[in-house]
Amino acid sequence: MEMFADYSHALVSLAGVALIVLGQGLHVGIVRGREKLAADAVIPNDYSNPVFRIMRAYQNSAESMPAFIAAVLAAVLLGASPFWVNLLASVHFLLRLAYWYVYVTGLGRPLAGARTFTYVVSWGANLVLGVIAVLTGLF
């Protein structure tokens, strides 16, 4: 296990993102129960509706998680620079936390606001992480 010690921040970030998604799923379940919404109920696309924001935050996190897992695991297993892997994974994790908060609270504008910023920067960190993994594997 010592071979993974250099990547501890990245691995903690993986666990952190998993906990975010699990927490969001629980939050969605609680809200659905409180609002008496069936599991397959479709919520109208309305940013002013807190139930919509809670559900979309969860869906977005669940959708982005597989790419993050793949990028981190590939980078770690291929031996990419621990500094960059840890930094980018930590940035992604922290911004996913911020994304959750911003989306659920409705902070900022619905378009091109804080939510968009946190999403795009976390997406970019994940993209760079994936590119680093690929380049490490190729060279």
N, C-alpha and C. Protein backbone atom coordinates (compact mmCIF):
# COMPACT_ATOMS: atom_id res chain seq x y z
N MET A 1 0.81 -1.20 0.00
CA MET A 1 0.00 0.00 0.00
C MET A 1 0.85 1.27 0.00
N GLU A 2 2.12 1.09 0.32
CA GLU A 2 3.01 2.24 0.35
C GLU A 2 3.13 2.90 -1.02
N MET A 3 2.92 2.12 -2.08
CA MET A 3 3.02 2.67 -3.43
C MET A 3 1.95 3.72 -3.71
N PHE A 4 0.85 3.70 -2.95
CA PHE A 4 -0.22 4.66 -3.15
C PHE A 4 -0.14 5.85 -2.19
N ALA A 5 0.79 5.82 -1.26
CA ALA A 5 0.89 6.87 -0.24
C ALA A 5 1.09 8.26 -0.86
N ASP A 6 1.84 8.33 -1.95
CA ASP A 6 2.08 9.63 -2.59
C ASP A 6 0.80 10.23 -3.17
N TYR A 7 -0.22 9.41 -3.35
CA TYR A 7 -1.47 9.87 -3.95
C TYR A 7 -2.60 9.99 -2.92
N SER A 8 -2.24 10.15 -1.67
CA SER A 8 -3.26 10.13 -0.62
C SER A 8 -4.32 11.20 -0.80
N HIS A 9 -3.94 12.40 -1.21
CA HIS A 9 -4.95 13.46 -1.41
C HIS A 9 -5.92 13.10 -2.53
N ALA A 10 -5.40 12.53 -3.60
CA ALA A 10 -6.25 12.13 -4.72
C ALA A 10 -7.20 11.02 -4.30
N LEU A 11 -6.71 10.07 -3.54
CA LEU A 11 -7.55 8.95 -3.11
C LEU A 11 -8.60 9.41 -2.10
N VAL A 12 -8.22 10.33 -1.22
CA VAL A 12 -9.20 10.91 -0.30
C VAL A 12 -10.25 11.69 -1.09
N SER A 13 -9.83 12.37 -2.14
CA SER A 13 -10.77 13.10 -2.99
C SER A 13 -11.76 12.15 -3.66
N LEU A 14 -11.28 10.98 -4.08
CA LEU A 14 -12.18 9.97 -4.65
C LEU A 14 -13.25 9.58 -3.62
N ALA A 15 -12.81 9.29 -2.42
CA ALA A 15 -13.76 8.93 -1.37
C ALA A 15 -14.69 10.10 -1.06
N GLY A 16 -14.14 11.31 -1.07
CA GLY A 16 -14.95 12.50 -0.80
C GLY A 16 -16.04 12.70 -1.84
N VAL A 17 -15.71 12.51 -3.11
CA VAL A 17 -16.71 12.65 -4.17
C VAL A 17 -17.78 11.57 -4.01
N ALA A 18 -17.36 10.36 -3.66
CA ALA A 18 -18.35 9.30 -3.41
C ALA A 18 -19.29 9.69 -2.27
N LEU A 19 -18.74 10.26 -1.21
CA LEU A 19 -19.58 10.69 -0.09
C LEU A 19 -20.52 11.83 -0.47
N ILE A 20 -20.05 12.73 -1.33
CA ILE A 20 -20.91 13.81 -1.81
C ILE A 20 -22.12 13.21 -2.54
N VAL A 21 -21.86 12.29 -3.46
CA VAL A 21 -22.95 11.70 -4.24
C VAL A 21 -23.90 10.91 -3.33
N LEU A 22 -23.35 10.17 -2.38
CA LEU A 22 -24.20 9.43 -1.45
C LEU A 22 -25.04 10.39 -0.60
N GLY A 23 -24.43 11.47 -0.15
CA GLY A 23 -25.16 12.48 0.63
C GLY A 23 -26.25 13.15 -0.18
N GLN A 24 -25.93 13.44 -1.43
CA GLN A 24 -26.93 14.05 -2.30
C GLN A 24 -28.09 13.09 -2.57
N GLY A 25 -27.77 11.82 -2.76
CA GLY A 25 -28.82 10.82 -2.98
C GLY A 25 -29.75 10.73 -1.78
N LEU A 26 -29.17 10.75 -0.59
CA LEU A 26 -29.98 10.75 0.63
C LEU A 26 -30.84 12.01 0.70
N HIS A 27 -30.24 13.14 0.38
CA HIS A 27 -30.97 14.42 0.39
C HIS A 27 -32.16 14.37 -0.57
N VAL A 28 -31.93 13.84 -1.76
CA VAL A 28 -33.01 13.71 -2.74
C VAL A 28 -34.12 12.81 -2.19
N GLY A 29 -33.74 11.70 -1.59
CA GLY A 29 -34.74 10.79 -1.02
C GLY A 29 -35.56 11.44 0.07
N ILE A 30 -34.90 12.20 0.92
CA ILE A 30 -35.62 12.90 1.99
C ILE A 30 -36.58 13.93 1.41
N VAL A 31 -36.12 14.69 0.44
CA VAL A 31 -36.96 15.72 -0.19
C VAL A 31 -38.13 15.08 -0.92
N ARG A 32 -37.86 14.02 -1.65
CA ARG A 32 -38.95 13.33 -2.37
C ARG A 32 -40.00 12.83 -1.38
N GLY A 33 -39.56 12.27 -0.27
CA GLY A 33 -40.50 11.79 0.74
C GLY A 33 -41.30 12.93 1.36
N ARG A 34 -40.61 14.01 1.69
CA ARG A 34 -41.28 15.16 2.29
C ARG A 34 -42.31 15.76 1.34
N GLU A 35 -41.96 15.79 0.05
CA GLU A 35 -42.85 16.38 -0.95
C GLU A 35 -43.85 15.35 -1.52
N LYS A 36 -43.75 14.11 -1.03
CA LYS A 36 -44.62 13.02 -1.50
C LYS A 36 -44.51 12.81 -3.02
N LEU A 37 -43.26 12.79 -3.48
CA LEU A 37 -42.99 12.59 -4.91
C LEU A 37 -42.59 11.15 -5.16
N ALA A 38 -43.18 10.53 -6.14
CA ALA A 38 -42.81 9.18 -6.53
C ALA A 38 -41.39 9.17 -7.07
N ALA A 39 -40.75 8.01 -7.03
CA ALA A 39 -39.36 7.90 -7.49
C ALA A 39 -39.20 8.31 -8.95
N ASP A 40 -40.25 8.12 -9.75
CA ASP A 40 -40.16 8.46 -11.17
C ASP A 40 -40.82 9.80 -11.51
N ALA A 41 -41.15 10.58 -10.49
CA ALA A 41 -41.78 11.88 -10.73
C ALA A 41 -40.81 12.80 -11.47
N VAL A 42 -41.32 13.49 -12.47
CA VAL A 42 -40.52 14.43 -13.25
C VAL A 42 -40.78 15.83 -12.68
N ILE A 43 -39.70 16.49 -12.33
CA ILE A 43 -39.80 17.84 -11.78
C ILE A 43 -39.57 18.82 -12.92
N PRO A 44 -40.45 19.80 -13.08
CA PRO A 44 -40.25 20.78 -14.16
C PRO A 44 -38.92 21.51 -14.02
N ASN A 45 -38.34 21.84 -15.15
CA ASN A 45 -37.06 22.54 -15.21
C ASN A 45 -37.28 23.99 -14.77
N ASP A 46 -37.19 24.21 -13.46
CA ASP A 46 -37.46 25.53 -12.89
C ASP A 46 -36.43 25.83 -11.81
N TYR A 47 -35.46 26.66 -12.13
CA TYR A 47 -34.36 26.97 -11.21
C TYR A 47 -34.85 27.59 -9.90
N SER A 48 -36.02 28.20 -9.91
CA SER A 48 -36.53 28.80 -8.68
C SER A 48 -37.10 27.75 -7.72
N ASN A 49 -37.28 26.51 -8.20
CA ASN A 49 -37.83 25.43 -7.39
C ASN A 49 -36.68 24.70 -6.68
N PRO A 50 -36.63 24.76 -5.34
CA PRO A 50 -35.53 24.10 -4.62
C PRO A 50 -35.48 22.58 -4.83
N VAL A 51 -36.61 21.95 -5.03
CA VAL A 51 -36.63 20.50 -5.28
C VAL A 51 -35.93 20.20 -6.61
N PHE A 52 -36.18 21.00 -7.62
CA PHE A 52 -35.51 20.83 -8.91
C PHE A 52 -34.00 20.97 -8.73
N ARG A 53 -33.57 22.00 -7.99
CA ARG A 53 -32.13 22.24 -7.81
C ARG A 53 -31.46 21.09 -7.05
N ILE A 54 -32.12 20.58 -6.03
CA ILE A 54 -31.57 19.47 -5.26
C ILE A 54 -31.40 18.25 -6.14
N MET A 55 -32.43 17.95 -6.93
CA MET A 55 -32.37 16.77 -7.79
C MET A 55 -31.34 16.93 -8.90
N ARG A 56 -31.25 18.11 -9.49
CA ARG A 56 -30.28 18.33 -10.56
C ARG A 56 -28.85 18.31 -10.04
N ALA A 57 -28.63 18.84 -8.84
CA ALA A 57 -27.29 18.80 -8.26
C ALA A 57 -26.84 17.35 -8.10
N TYR A 58 -27.74 16.52 -7.62
CA TYR A 58 -27.43 15.10 -7.45
C TYR A 58 -27.18 14.43 -8.81
N GLN A 59 -28.05 14.68 -9.76
CA GLN A 59 -27.89 14.07 -11.08
C GLN A 59 -26.57 14.48 -11.72
N ASN A 60 -26.23 15.76 -11.61
CA ASN A 60 -24.98 16.23 -12.20
C ASN A 60 -23.79 15.57 -11.54
N SER A 61 -23.82 15.44 -10.23
CA SER A 61 -22.70 14.80 -9.53
C SER A 61 -22.58 13.34 -9.92
N ALA A 62 -23.72 12.64 -9.98
CA ALA A 62 -23.70 11.23 -10.37
C ALA A 62 -23.19 11.06 -11.79
N GLU A 63 -23.52 12.00 -12.67
CA GLU A 63 -23.08 11.93 -14.07
C GLU A 63 -21.59 12.21 -14.21
N SER A 64 -21.05 13.09 -13.39
CA SER A 64 -19.64 13.46 -13.53
C SER A 64 -18.71 12.52 -12.77
N MET A 65 -19.24 11.76 -11.83
CA MET A 65 -18.40 10.91 -10.98
C MET A 65 -17.62 9.84 -11.74
N PRO A 66 -18.20 9.11 -12.70
CA PRO A 66 -17.42 8.06 -13.38
C PRO A 66 -16.17 8.59 -14.09
N ALA A 67 -16.28 9.74 -14.72
CA ALA A 67 -15.10 10.30 -15.40
C ALA A 67 -14.02 10.66 -14.39
N PHE A 68 -14.42 11.17 -13.24
CA PHE A 68 -13.46 11.52 -12.20
C PHE A 68 -12.77 10.26 -11.67
N ILE A 69 -13.55 9.24 -11.39
CA ILE A 69 -12.97 7.98 -10.91
C ILE A 69 -11.97 7.44 -11.93
N ALA A 70 -12.36 7.42 -13.19
CA ALA A 70 -11.48 6.88 -14.23
C ALA A 70 -10.19 7.70 -14.34
N ALA A 71 -10.31 9.02 -14.32
CA ALA A 71 -9.13 9.87 -14.47
C ALA A 71 -8.17 9.70 -13.29
N VAL A 72 -8.70 9.68 -12.07
CA VAL A 72 -7.84 9.53 -10.90
C VAL A 72 -7.18 8.16 -10.89
N LEU A 73 -7.98 7.12 -11.08
CA LEU A 73 -7.40 5.77 -11.03
C LEU A 73 -6.36 5.56 -12.14
N ALA A 74 -6.64 6.04 -13.33
CA ALA A 74 -5.67 5.91 -14.42
C ALA A 74 -4.39 6.66 -14.08
N ALA A 75 -4.51 7.87 -13.59
CA ALA A 75 -3.33 8.67 -13.26
C ALA A 75 -2.50 8.00 -12.16
N VAL A 76 -3.17 7.50 -11.14
CA VAL A 76 -2.46 6.84 -10.04
C VAL A 76 -1.79 5.56 -10.53
N LEU A 77 -2.55 4.72 -11.22
CA LEU A 77 -2.00 3.43 -11.66
C LEU A 77 -0.89 3.57 -12.70
N LEU A 78 -0.94 4.65 -13.49
CA LEU A 78 0.12 4.88 -14.48
C LEU A 78 1.32 5.62 -13.91
N GLY A 79 1.20 6.07 -12.66
CA GLY A 79 2.32 6.74 -12.01
C GLY A 79 2.52 8.18 -12.42
N ALA A 80 1.44 8.88 -12.74
CA ALA A 80 1.54 10.30 -13.09
C ALA A 80 2.05 11.09 -11.88
N SER A 81 2.51 12.27 -12.13
CA SER A 81 3.07 13.13 -11.07
C SER A 81 2.11 13.23 -9.88
N PRO A 82 2.54 12.76 -8.71
CA PRO A 82 1.67 12.85 -7.54
C PRO A 82 1.25 14.28 -7.22
N PHE A 83 2.14 15.23 -7.42
CA PHE A 83 1.79 16.63 -7.14
C PHE A 83 0.57 17.04 -7.94
N TRP A 84 0.62 16.81 -9.26
CA TRP A 84 -0.48 17.24 -10.12
C TRP A 84 -1.75 16.42 -9.91
N VAL A 85 -1.58 15.14 -9.72
CA VAL A 85 -2.75 14.28 -9.49
C VAL A 85 -3.45 14.70 -8.20
N ASN A 86 -2.69 14.88 -7.14
CA ASN A 86 -3.28 15.30 -5.86
C ASN A 86 -3.92 16.68 -5.97
N LEU A 87 -3.23 17.61 -6.61
CA LEU A 87 -3.77 18.96 -6.74
C LEU A 87 -5.06 18.98 -7.54
N LEU A 88 -5.04 18.37 -8.70
CA LEU A 88 -6.22 18.40 -9.58
C LEU A 88 -7.39 17.63 -8.97
N ALA A 89 -7.11 16.50 -8.35
CA ALA A 89 -8.19 15.74 -7.72
C ALA A 89 -8.77 16.52 -6.55
N SER A 90 -7.92 17.17 -5.79
CA SER A 90 -8.41 17.97 -4.64
C SER A 90 -9.22 19.17 -5.11
N VAL A 91 -8.76 19.83 -6.17
CA VAL A 91 -9.51 20.96 -6.73
C VAL A 91 -10.88 20.49 -7.20
N HIS A 92 -10.91 19.37 -7.91
CA HIS A 92 -12.19 18.83 -8.38
C HIS A 92 -13.12 18.55 -7.20
N PHE A 93 -12.60 17.87 -6.19
CA PHE A 93 -13.40 17.54 -5.01
C PHE A 93 -13.95 18.80 -4.34
N LEU A 94 -13.10 19.76 -4.07
CA LEU A 94 -13.55 20.98 -3.38
C LEU A 94 -14.57 21.76 -4.20
N LEU A 95 -14.38 21.78 -5.50
CA LEU A 95 -15.34 22.49 -6.35
C LEU A 95 -16.65 21.73 -6.48
N ARG A 96 -16.62 20.41 -6.38
CA ARG A 96 -17.88 19.65 -6.37
C ARG A 96 -18.66 19.96 -5.09
N LEU A 97 -17.96 20.12 -3.97
CA LEU A 97 -18.63 20.55 -2.74
C LEU A 97 -19.25 21.93 -2.93
N ALA A 98 -18.47 22.83 -3.51
CA ALA A 98 -18.98 24.18 -3.75
C ALA A 98 -20.16 24.15 -4.71
N TYR A 99 -20.07 23.33 -5.75
CA TYR A 99 -21.15 23.20 -6.73
C TYR A 99 -22.44 22.78 -6.04
N TRP A 100 -22.34 21.79 -5.18
CA TRP A 100 -23.51 21.30 -4.44
C TRP A 100 -24.14 22.44 -3.64
N TYR A 101 -23.31 23.16 -2.90
CA TYR A 101 -23.81 24.26 -2.08
C TYR A 101 -24.46 25.34 -2.94
N VAL A 102 -23.76 25.74 -3.98
CA VAL A 102 -24.25 26.82 -4.84
C VAL A 102 -25.56 26.42 -5.51
N TYR A 103 -25.64 25.21 -6.02
CA TYR A 103 -26.84 24.77 -6.73
C TYR A 103 -28.03 24.62 -5.79
N VAL A 104 -27.82 23.95 -4.68
CA VAL A 104 -28.93 23.69 -3.75
C VAL A 104 -29.46 24.99 -3.15
N THR A 105 -28.58 25.91 -2.84
CA THR A 105 -29.04 27.18 -2.24
C THR A 105 -29.54 28.17 -3.28
N GLY A 106 -29.26 27.92 -4.55
CA GLY A 106 -29.68 28.85 -5.60
C GLY A 106 -28.84 30.11 -5.64
N LEU A 107 -27.65 30.03 -5.09
CA LEU A 107 -26.74 31.18 -5.04
C LEU A 107 -26.36 31.62 -6.45
N GLY A 108 -26.51 32.88 -6.73
CA GLY A 108 -26.10 33.42 -8.02
C GLY A 108 -27.14 33.23 -9.11
N ARG A 109 -26.74 33.59 -10.30
CA ARG A 109 -27.64 33.48 -11.46
C ARG A 109 -27.78 32.05 -11.92
N PRO A 110 -28.90 31.72 -12.54
CA PRO A 110 -29.07 30.36 -13.05
C PRO A 110 -28.11 30.03 -14.20
N LEU A 111 -27.73 31.02 -14.98
CA LEU A 111 -26.83 30.79 -16.11
C LEU A 111 -25.59 31.68 -15.97
N ALA A 112 -24.45 31.10 -16.25
CA ALA A 112 -23.17 31.83 -16.24
C ALA A 112 -22.92 32.51 -14.90
N GLY A 113 -23.28 31.85 -13.82
CA GLY A 113 -23.04 32.37 -12.47
C GLY A 113 -22.07 31.47 -11.72
N ALA A 114 -22.21 31.47 -10.40
CA ALA A 114 -21.31 30.69 -9.55
C ALA A 114 -21.41 29.19 -9.84
N ARG A 115 -22.61 28.72 -10.11
CA ARG A 115 -22.80 27.29 -10.42
C ARG A 115 -22.02 26.91 -11.67
N THR A 116 -22.12 27.72 -12.71
CA THR A 116 -21.40 27.45 -13.95
C THR A 116 -19.89 27.49 -13.72
N PHE A 117 -19.43 28.47 -12.96
CA PHE A 117 -18.01 28.60 -12.67
C PHE A 117 -17.48 27.35 -11.96
N THR A 118 -18.18 26.92 -10.90
CA THR A 118 -17.70 25.75 -10.16
C THR A 118 -17.73 24.50 -11.02
N TYR A 119 -18.74 24.38 -11.86
CA TYR A 119 -18.83 23.22 -12.74
C TYR A 119 -17.68 23.22 -13.76
N VAL A 120 -17.49 24.33 -14.44
CA VAL A 120 -16.50 24.40 -15.51
C VAL A 120 -15.09 24.21 -14.98
N VAL A 121 -14.77 24.81 -13.85
CA VAL A 121 -13.42 24.65 -13.31
C VAL A 121 -13.19 23.22 -12.82
N SER A 122 -14.19 22.62 -12.18
CA SER A 122 -14.03 21.22 -11.74
C SER A 122 -13.93 20.30 -12.95
N TRP A 123 -14.71 20.57 -13.98
CA TRP A 123 -14.64 19.79 -15.22
C TRP A 123 -13.25 19.94 -15.85
N GLY A 124 -12.73 21.16 -15.86
CA GLY A 124 -11.41 21.41 -16.42
C GLY A 124 -10.31 20.69 -15.65
N ALA A 125 -10.41 20.68 -14.32
CA ALA A 125 -9.42 19.96 -13.51
C ALA A 125 -9.46 18.48 -13.84
N ASN A 126 -10.66 17.95 -14.01
CA ASN A 126 -10.80 16.54 -14.35
C ASN A 126 -10.26 16.26 -15.75
N LEU A 127 -10.50 17.16 -16.69
CA LEU A 127 -9.98 17.00 -18.04
C LEU A 127 -8.45 16.97 -18.03
N VAL A 128 -7.84 17.92 -17.34
CA VAL A 128 -6.38 17.97 -17.27
C VAL A 128 -5.84 16.71 -16.60
N LEU A 129 -6.52 16.24 -15.58
CA LEU A 129 -6.12 15.01 -14.90
C LEU A 129 -6.14 13.83 -15.88
N GLY A 130 -7.18 13.75 -16.67
CA GLY A 130 -7.27 12.69 -17.68
C GLY A 130 -6.17 12.80 -18.73
N VAL A 131 -5.89 14.02 -19.18
CA VAL A 131 -4.83 14.23 -20.17
C VAL A 131 -3.48 13.83 -19.58
N ILE A 132 -3.24 14.20 -18.33
CA ILE A 132 -1.98 13.83 -17.68
C ILE A 132 -1.85 12.31 -17.61
N ALA A 133 -2.93 11.64 -17.28
CA ALA A 133 -2.91 10.17 -17.22
C ALA A 133 -2.57 9.58 -18.59
N VAL A 134 -3.23 10.08 -19.62
CA VAL A 134 -2.97 9.56 -20.98
C VAL A 134 -1.53 9.83 -21.39
N LEU A 135 -1.05 11.04 -21.16
CA LEU A 135 0.33 11.36 -21.55
C LEU A 135 1.34 10.53 -20.78
N THR A 136 1.06 10.30 -19.50
CA THR A 136 1.95 9.46 -18.69
C THR A 136 1.98 8.04 -19.25
N GLY A 137 0.83 7.55 -19.62
CA GLY A 137 0.75 6.19 -20.16
C GLY A 137 1.42 6.04 -21.52
N LEU A 138 1.40 7.11 -22.30
CA LEU A 138 1.98 7.06 -23.64
C LEU A 138 3.49 7.29 -23.64
N PHE A 139 3.94 8.07 -22.70
CA PHE A 139 5.37 8.45 -22.73
C PHE A 139 6.04 7.98 -21.48
